[in-house]
Amino acid sequence: MAVDLKSVLVTGGAGFIGNNFVRFFLKRHGDTEVINLDKLTYAGNLESLRDIEGNHHYHFYKGDISDAAFVKRLFNEWHFDAVVNFAAESHVDRSILGPQVFIDTNVRGTMTLLEAAREFEVGRFLQVSTDEVYGSLGSTGKFTETNGLSPNSPYSASKTSADMLARAWWKTFGVPALITRCSNNYGPYQFPEKFIPLMIINALQDKELPVYGDGKNVRDWIFADDHCEAIEAVLENGRVGEVYNIGGGNEVENIELAKLILAKLGKPESLLKFVTDRPGHDRRYAMDSTKIERELGWRPNRSFEQGIEETIRWYVENQKWWHRIVSGEYQNYYKLQYEERPSWSNLRKG
């Protein structure tokens, strides 16, 4: 039976998947109060939510999910029926260069939210996680919810820890937690450090497209709105204490995806540049979504062909949105990552 949702806290709602979910949820639940809590770090962008600022059911708070006093005041004010926790540091490369903030936000922040959910008896707590907690697959097979967890980067280790906290707070304290683990997302408003927007934006500027290693790493891609529909289904009708895998069913090698983007933009493959692979780079992800399909009737709506064309078109038509990022803080990060970075091997020496 679907839960009654009068007020929902969305953490990290100014980030990529979060802002898509906020917009999606407001359209589907016009009378629900949606409260967006975001720290507005480098990847949080209120410009992405400019079109809903006039919605009286949308409320934004700037704050840190690790700030227990602030979080408690917010829970006391709204008495949320549900929490959807998107808030996370999410880029693997950044977690290698500086893992501490990933522990602070992804682990300690999740615990802070779970404690508030316990104290104020929140009806549902949905922990939004990632396929990366499972580790790496061989050339065949797919991750199921019964797979063991084998994180290979500081980022995935922090998300694994957050998942285990959600499970523990359900088992020990009765917090009604659910966990979703999704494959790689793509779509509008994604920060330019991620693979697909990086490839599109660099191609539009006739800059080199950096591809790690031999480019044969495989990812399963899902359009952001399809992910949002899956989260809604789990939030409303999922079984408490359960994990639900969410996959797009679109396995593509990185190098083939980069070539596809170049072709659709009419750019030459000479822009491709192979760069030194990063440590702990998982070879292949693929998600088995049988459980969520069987129990909740969810399936992705967009084909990869439809989704990638829509995504490319959005970045072409919204250059003002990403140009400010590329020309500012992100540009410094890009130089560190792909132009001025020391060898990854040096990181192993501390």
Protein backbone atom coordinates (compact mmCIF):
# COMPACT_ATOMS: atom_id res chain seq x y z
CA MET A 1 0.00 0.00 0.00
CA ALA A 2 1.32 3.44 -0.92
CA VAL A 3 2.32 5.69 1.96
CA ASP A 4 0.74 9.12 2.54
CA LEU A 5 3.32 11.77 1.72
CA LYS A 6 2.42 15.25 2.93
CA SER A 7 6.03 16.41 3.35
CA VAL A 8 9.19 14.91 1.87
CA LEU A 9 12.80 15.86 2.56
CA VAL A 10 15.07 15.55 -0.47
CA THR A 11 18.72 15.91 0.47
CA GLY A 12 21.16 16.88 -2.25
CA GLY A 13 18.29 18.23 -4.31
CA ALA A 14 20.48 20.78 -6.11
CA GLY A 15 22.70 18.06 -7.52
CA PHE A 16 22.19 16.20 -10.78
CA ILE A 17 19.83 13.35 -9.87
CA GLY A 18 18.40 15.29 -6.94
CA ASN A 19 17.22 18.27 -8.98
CA ASN A 20 15.70 15.98 -11.58
CA PHE A 21 13.86 14.14 -8.80
CA VAL A 22 12.60 17.34 -7.14
CA ARG A 23 11.18 18.56 -10.43
CA PHE A 24 9.74 15.12 -11.26
CA PHE A 25 8.18 14.64 -7.82
CA LEU A 26 6.51 18.05 -7.74
CA LYS A 27 4.86 17.31 -11.08
CA ARG A 28 3.55 13.98 -9.84
CA HIS A 29 2.60 15.06 -6.30
CA GLY A 30 1.26 18.57 -6.58
CA ASP A 31 0.06 18.84 -2.96
CA THR A 32 3.16 17.42 -1.27
CA GLU A 33 5.57 19.82 0.41
CA VAL A 34 9.02 19.11 -1.02
CA ILE A 35 11.90 20.39 1.10
CA ASN A 36 15.29 20.50 -0.59
CA LEU A 37 18.32 20.44 1.73
CA ASP A 38 21.62 21.02 -0.05
CA LYS A 39 25.02 22.27 1.06
CA LEU A 40 25.63 23.78 -2.39
CA THR A 41 29.12 22.42 -2.84
CA TYR A 42 30.72 22.63 -6.29
CA ALA A 43 28.17 20.25 -7.91
CA GLY A 44 25.07 21.81 -6.32
CA ASN A 45 23.53 24.41 -8.61
CA LEU A 46 20.31 26.30 -7.85
CA GLU A 47 20.24 27.46 -11.47
CA SER A 48 19.08 23.93 -12.25
CA LEU A 49 15.90 24.59 -10.24
CA ARG A 50 15.18 28.12 -11.39
CA ASP A 51 12.02 27.00 -13.19
CA ILE A 52 10.31 25.81 -9.97
CA GLU A 53 11.26 28.65 -7.63
CA GLY A 54 7.70 30.01 -7.77
CA ASN A 55 6.15 26.70 -6.70
CA HIS A 56 4.61 27.22 -3.23
CA HIS A 57 5.10 23.55 -2.38
CA TYR A 58 8.87 23.75 -2.92
CA HIS A 59 11.17 24.94 -0.11
CA PHE A 60 14.96 25.22 -0.20
CA TYR A 61 17.32 25.15 2.80
CA LYS A 62 21.07 25.51 2.55
CA GLY A 63 22.77 23.24 5.05
CA ASP A 64 25.03 20.29 5.75
CA ILE A 65 23.52 16.86 6.45
CA SER A 66 26.41 16.30 8.87
CA ASP A 67 25.28 19.25 11.02
CA ALA A 68 23.19 17.41 13.62
CA ALA A 69 21.76 20.53 15.27
CA PHE A 70 20.63 22.02 11.96
CA VAL A 71 19.18 18.72 10.75
CA LYS A 72 17.26 18.26 14.00
CA ARG A 73 15.74 21.75 13.75
CA LEU A 74 14.62 21.04 10.19
CA PHE A 75 13.00 17.73 11.15
CA ASN A 76 11.31 19.38 14.11
CA GLU A 77 9.89 22.11 11.87
CA TRP A 78 8.48 19.87 9.14
CA HIS A 79 7.91 16.41 10.69
CA PHE A 80 8.67 14.69 7.42
CA ASP A 81 6.72 11.71 6.18
CA ALA A 82 9.73 10.57 4.14
CA VAL A 83 13.39 11.27 3.46
CA VAL A 84 15.09 10.63 0.12
CA ASN A 85 18.84 10.88 0.62
CA PHE A 86 20.68 11.88 -2.54
CA ALA A 87 23.23 14.01 -0.68
CA ALA A 88 26.68 12.62 -1.42
CA GLU A 89 30.09 13.37 -2.77
CA SER A 90 29.94 11.20 -5.87
CA HIS A 91 32.93 11.50 -8.20
CA VAL A 92 35.41 8.61 -7.97
CA ASP A 93 38.41 10.67 -9.11
CA ARG A 94 37.79 13.25 -6.39
CA SER A 95 37.53 10.50 -3.79
CA ILE A 96 41.00 9.30 -4.77
CA LEU A 97 42.49 12.77 -4.58
CA GLY A 98 40.75 13.65 -1.29
CA PRO A 99 38.76 10.91 0.47
CA GLN A 100 38.04 12.68 3.78
CA VAL A 101 35.06 14.71 2.57
CA PHE A 102 33.48 11.51 1.22
CA ILE A 103 33.57 9.99 4.69
CA ASP A 104 32.26 13.19 6.28
CA THR A 105 29.28 13.57 3.96
CA ASN A 106 28.45 10.08 2.76
CA VAL A 107 28.97 8.24 6.05
CA ARG A 108 28.64 10.70 8.92
CA GLY A 109 25.98 12.70 7.10
CA THR A 110 23.87 9.61 6.44
CA MET A 111 24.11 8.61 10.10
CA THR A 112 22.98 12.10 11.14
CA LEU A 113 19.90 11.83 8.92
CA LEU A 114 19.11 8.33 10.18
CA GLU A 115 19.30 9.52 13.77
CA ALA A 116 16.91 12.38 13.02
CA ALA A 117 14.58 9.98 11.20
CA ARG A 118 14.61 7.74 14.27
CA GLU A 119 13.93 10.57 16.74
CA PHE A 120 11.10 12.09 14.69
CA GLU A 121 9.63 8.76 13.55
CA VAL A 122 9.84 9.40 9.82
CA GLY A 123 7.60 7.06 7.84
CA ARG A 124 10.14 6.17 5.13
CA PHE A 125 13.88 6.64 4.69
CA LEU A 126 15.18 5.94 1.19
CA GLN A 127 18.94 5.67 0.84
CA VAL A 128 19.90 6.31 -2.80
CA SER A 129 23.00 4.26 -3.55
CA THR A 130 25.02 3.03 -6.50
CA ASP A 131 26.00 -0.11 -8.40
CA GLU A 132 29.61 0.64 -7.49
CA VAL A 133 29.13 -0.87 -4.02
CA TYR A 134 29.16 -4.31 -5.68
CA GLY A 135 32.63 -3.88 -7.17
CA SER A 136 33.47 -5.07 -10.67
CA LEU A 137 31.91 -7.73 -12.91
CA GLY A 138 33.58 -10.02 -15.37
CA SER A 139 32.50 -10.20 -18.99
CA THR A 140 29.18 -11.90 -18.16
CA GLY A 141 26.47 -11.78 -15.54
CA LYS A 142 24.69 -8.97 -13.70
CA PHE A 143 24.59 -7.68 -10.14
CA THR A 144 21.59 -8.84 -8.11
CA GLU A 145 20.53 -7.65 -4.67
CA THR A 146 22.08 -10.79 -3.14
CA ASN A 147 25.59 -10.06 -4.46
CA GLY A 148 28.26 -9.36 -1.87
CA LEU A 149 29.57 -5.81 -1.52
CA SER A 150 33.14 -5.23 -2.73
CA PRO A 151 33.83 -1.50 -3.11
CA ASN A 152 37.05 -0.60 -4.89
CA SER A 153 37.33 3.17 -4.41
CA PRO A 154 36.99 5.55 -1.46
CA TYR A 155 33.73 6.78 -3.02
CA SER A 156 32.15 3.34 -3.33
CA ALA A 157 33.43 2.38 0.14
CA SER A 158 31.70 5.43 1.61
CA LYS A 159 28.44 4.56 -0.15
CA THR A 160 28.70 0.95 1.03
CA SER A 161 29.13 2.23 4.57
CA ALA A 162 26.04 4.43 4.22
CA ASP A 163 24.00 1.48 2.96
CA MET A 164 25.07 -0.62 5.91
CA LEU A 165 24.14 2.17 8.32
CA ALA A 166 20.66 2.35 6.78
CA ARG A 167 20.28 -1.40 7.20
CA ALA A 168 21.56 -1.29 10.79
CA TRP A 169 19.22 1.55 11.77
CA TRP A 170 16.32 -0.49 10.39
CA LYS A 171 17.38 -3.73 12.12
CA THR A 172 18.41 -2.13 15.44
CA PHE A 173 16.13 0.88 15.83
CA GLY A 174 13.25 0.16 13.49
CA VAL A 175 13.89 3.09 11.14
CA PRO A 176 11.85 2.17 8.01
CA ALA A 177 14.79 2.27 5.61
CA LEU A 178 14.93 1.16 1.99
CA ILE A 179 17.96 1.16 -0.33
CA THR A 180 18.12 1.65 -4.09
CA ARG A 181 21.24 0.90 -6.09
CA CYS A 182 21.31 2.34 -9.58
CA SER A 183 23.49 2.07 -12.64
CA ASN A 184 25.15 5.10 -14.25
CA ASN A 185 22.80 8.04 -14.77
CA TYR A 186 22.82 10.56 -17.60
CA GLY A 187 20.59 13.41 -18.71
CA PRO A 188 20.11 17.19 -18.29
CA TYR A 189 21.88 19.18 -15.56
CA GLN A 190 24.70 16.67 -14.96
CA PHE A 191 27.93 18.25 -13.70
CA PRO A 192 30.60 18.43 -16.45
CA GLU A 193 33.13 16.20 -14.67
CA LYS A 194 30.96 13.14 -15.37
CA PHE A 195 31.67 11.07 -18.47
CA ILE A 196 28.79 11.88 -20.81
CA PRO A 197 28.60 15.67 -20.22
CA LEU A 198 32.41 15.86 -20.32
CA MET A 199 32.44 14.15 -23.72
CA ILE A 200 29.64 16.36 -25.08
CA ILE A 201 31.04 19.65 -23.78
CA ASN A 202 34.59 18.94 -24.91
CA ALA A 203 33.36 17.90 -28.35
CA LEU A 204 31.31 21.09 -28.65
CA GLN A 205 34.48 23.08 -27.89
CA ASP A 206 36.68 20.95 -30.17
CA LYS A 207 38.75 19.90 -27.16
CA GLU A 208 40.24 16.46 -26.56
CA LEU A 209 37.97 13.80 -25.07
CA PRO A 210 39.95 11.99 -22.32
CA VAL A 211 39.21 8.26 -22.10
CA TYR A 212 40.75 6.16 -19.33
CA GLY A 213 42.92 3.15 -20.15
CA ASP A 214 41.88 1.24 -23.27
CA GLY A 215 38.32 2.62 -23.12
CA LYS A 216 36.84 -0.87 -22.79
CA ASN A 217 35.27 -0.28 -19.38
CA VAL A 218 31.54 -1.05 -19.62
CA ARG A 219 28.76 0.86 -17.89
CA ASP A 220 25.00 0.29 -17.79
CA TRP A 221 23.31 3.65 -18.53
CA ILE A 222 19.92 4.90 -17.35
CA PHE A 223 18.20 8.20 -18.13
CA ALA A 224 17.70 10.34 -15.01
CA ASP A 225 13.90 10.54 -15.31
CA ASP A 226 13.65 6.75 -15.48
CA HIS A 227 15.68 6.57 -12.29
CA CYS A 228 13.34 9.10 -10.67
CA GLU A 229 10.32 6.96 -11.52
CA ALA A 230 12.01 3.94 -9.95
CA ILE A 231 12.77 5.89 -6.76
CA GLU A 232 9.15 7.04 -6.57
CA ALA A 233 7.97 3.43 -6.92
CA VAL A 234 10.26 2.23 -4.11
CA LEU A 235 9.42 5.18 -1.87
CA GLU A 236 5.68 4.61 -2.18
CA ASN A 237 5.41 0.82 -2.41
CA GLY A 238 8.77 -0.79 -1.68
CA ARG A 239 9.14 -3.22 1.20
CA VAL A 240 10.93 -1.70 4.20
CA GLY A 241 14.39 -3.16 4.79
CA GLU A 242 14.78 -4.24 1.17
CA VAL A 243 17.35 -3.35 -1.51
CA TYR A 244 16.19 -2.65 -5.06
CA ASN A 245 18.56 -2.64 -8.04
CA ILE A 246 17.75 -0.15 -10.81
CA GLY A 247 19.34 -0.62 -14.22
CA GLY A 248 18.82 0.84 -17.65
CA GLY A 249 19.71 -2.30 -19.58
CA ASN A 250 22.12 -0.32 -21.77
CA GLU A 251 25.66 -1.67 -21.53
CA VAL A 252 28.12 0.41 -23.53
CA GLU A 253 31.92 0.55 -23.61
CA ASN A 254 33.28 4.00 -22.75
CA ILE A 255 35.17 4.26 -26.03
CA GLU A 256 32.09 3.36 -28.08
CA LEU A 257 30.01 5.92 -26.19
CA ALA A 258 32.61 8.62 -26.81
CA LYS A 259 32.63 7.76 -30.53
CA LEU A 260 28.82 7.85 -30.63
CA ILE A 261 28.75 11.35 -29.12
CA LEU A 262 31.35 12.56 -31.61
CA ALA A 263 29.36 11.11 -34.49
CA LYS A 264 26.09 12.71 -33.37
CA LEU A 265 27.83 16.09 -33.05
CA GLY A 266 29.64 15.70 -36.38
CA LYS A 267 33.08 15.80 -34.75
CA PRO A 268 36.17 13.75 -35.73
CA GLU A 269 37.42 10.78 -33.73
CA SER A 270 40.85 12.41 -33.74
CA LEU A 271 39.61 14.33 -30.67
CA LEU A 272 39.81 11.13 -28.62
CA LYS A 273 42.72 10.98 -26.17
CA PHE A 274 43.56 7.89 -24.13
CA VAL A 275 44.85 8.80 -20.65
CA THR A 276 46.39 6.76 -17.84
CA ASP A 277 43.81 4.61 -16.12
CA ARG A 278 42.85 5.50 -12.56
CA PRO A 279 43.51 3.12 -9.63
CA GLY A 280 40.75 0.65 -8.79
CA HIS A 281 38.85 1.36 -12.01
CA ASP A 282 36.04 -1.21 -12.16
CA ARG A 283 35.89 -2.96 -15.50
CA ARG A 284 32.18 -3.59 -15.91
CA TYR A 285 28.87 -2.86 -14.20
CA ALA A 286 25.50 -4.34 -15.14
CA MET A 287 22.36 -4.39 -13.01
CA ASP A 288 19.66 -7.03 -12.76
CA SER A 289 16.39 -5.11 -12.24
CA THR A 290 14.18 -8.21 -12.06
CA LYS A 291 13.16 -7.56 -8.44
CA ILE A 292 11.84 -4.02 -8.90
CA GLU A 293 10.16 -5.02 -12.17
CA ARG A 294 8.45 -8.00 -10.54
CA GLU A 295 7.43 -6.37 -7.26
CA LEU A 296 6.73 -2.78 -8.28
CA GLY A 297 6.10 -2.95 -12.02
CA TRP A 298 8.87 -0.50 -12.91
CA ARG A 299 10.73 -0.54 -16.22
CA PRO A 300 12.73 2.21 -17.94
CA ASN A 301 10.74 4.17 -20.51
CA ARG A 302 13.50 5.57 -22.71
CA SER A 303 15.74 3.66 -25.04
CA PHE A 304 19.40 4.62 -24.90
CA GLU A 305 19.14 6.05 -28.41
CA GLN A 306 16.31 8.35 -27.33
CA GLY A 307 17.99 9.33 -24.09
CA ILE A 308 21.40 10.15 -25.51
CA GLU A 309 19.89 12.27 -28.30
CA GLU A 310 17.78 14.17 -25.76
CA THR A 311 20.81 14.66 -23.53
CA ILE A 312 23.07 15.92 -26.32
CA ARG A 313 20.34 18.29 -27.47
CA TRP A 314 19.96 19.68 -23.93
CA TYR A 315 23.70 20.48 -23.63
CA VAL A 316 23.69 22.06 -27.09
CA GLU A 317 20.70 24.24 -26.20
CA ASN A 318 21.83 25.11 -22.65
CA GLN A 319 25.42 26.20 -23.16
CA LYS A 320 24.95 29.15 -20.81
CA TRP A 321 24.26 26.70 -17.95
CA TRP A 322 27.46 24.69 -18.36
CA HIS A 323 29.74 27.41 -19.69
CA ARG A 324 29.82 29.18 -16.31
CA ILE A 325 30.93 25.94 -14.69
CA VAL A 326 33.54 25.05 -17.30
CA SER A 327 35.04 28.54 -17.25
CA GLY A 328 35.20 28.69 -13.45
CA GLU A 329 35.95 26.22 -10.67
CA TYR A 330 35.56 23.16 -12.88
CA GLN A 331 38.22 24.41 -15.28
CA ASN A 332 40.78 24.31 -12.47
CA TYR A 333 39.70 20.77 -11.62
CA TYR A 334 39.94 19.70 -15.26
CA LYS A 335 43.53 20.96 -15.49
CA LEU A 336 44.46 19.04 -12.34
CA GLN A 337 42.82 15.85 -13.55
CA TYR A 338 43.83 15.72 -17.18
CA GLU A 339 46.64 18.19 -17.78
CA GLU A 340 48.72 18.83 -14.66
CA ARG A 341 48.03 15.71 -12.62
CA PRO A 342 50.99 13.60 -11.42
CA SER A 343 50.93 9.90 -12.19
CA TRP A 344 48.21 7.96 -10.39
CA SER A 345 50.96 5.62 -9.18
CA ASN A 346 52.40 8.41 -7.04
CA LEU A 347 49.20 8.42 -4.98
CA ARG A 348 49.90 4.90 -3.77
CA LYS A 349 53.11 6.20 -2.18
CA GLY A 350 51.23 8.77 -0.11
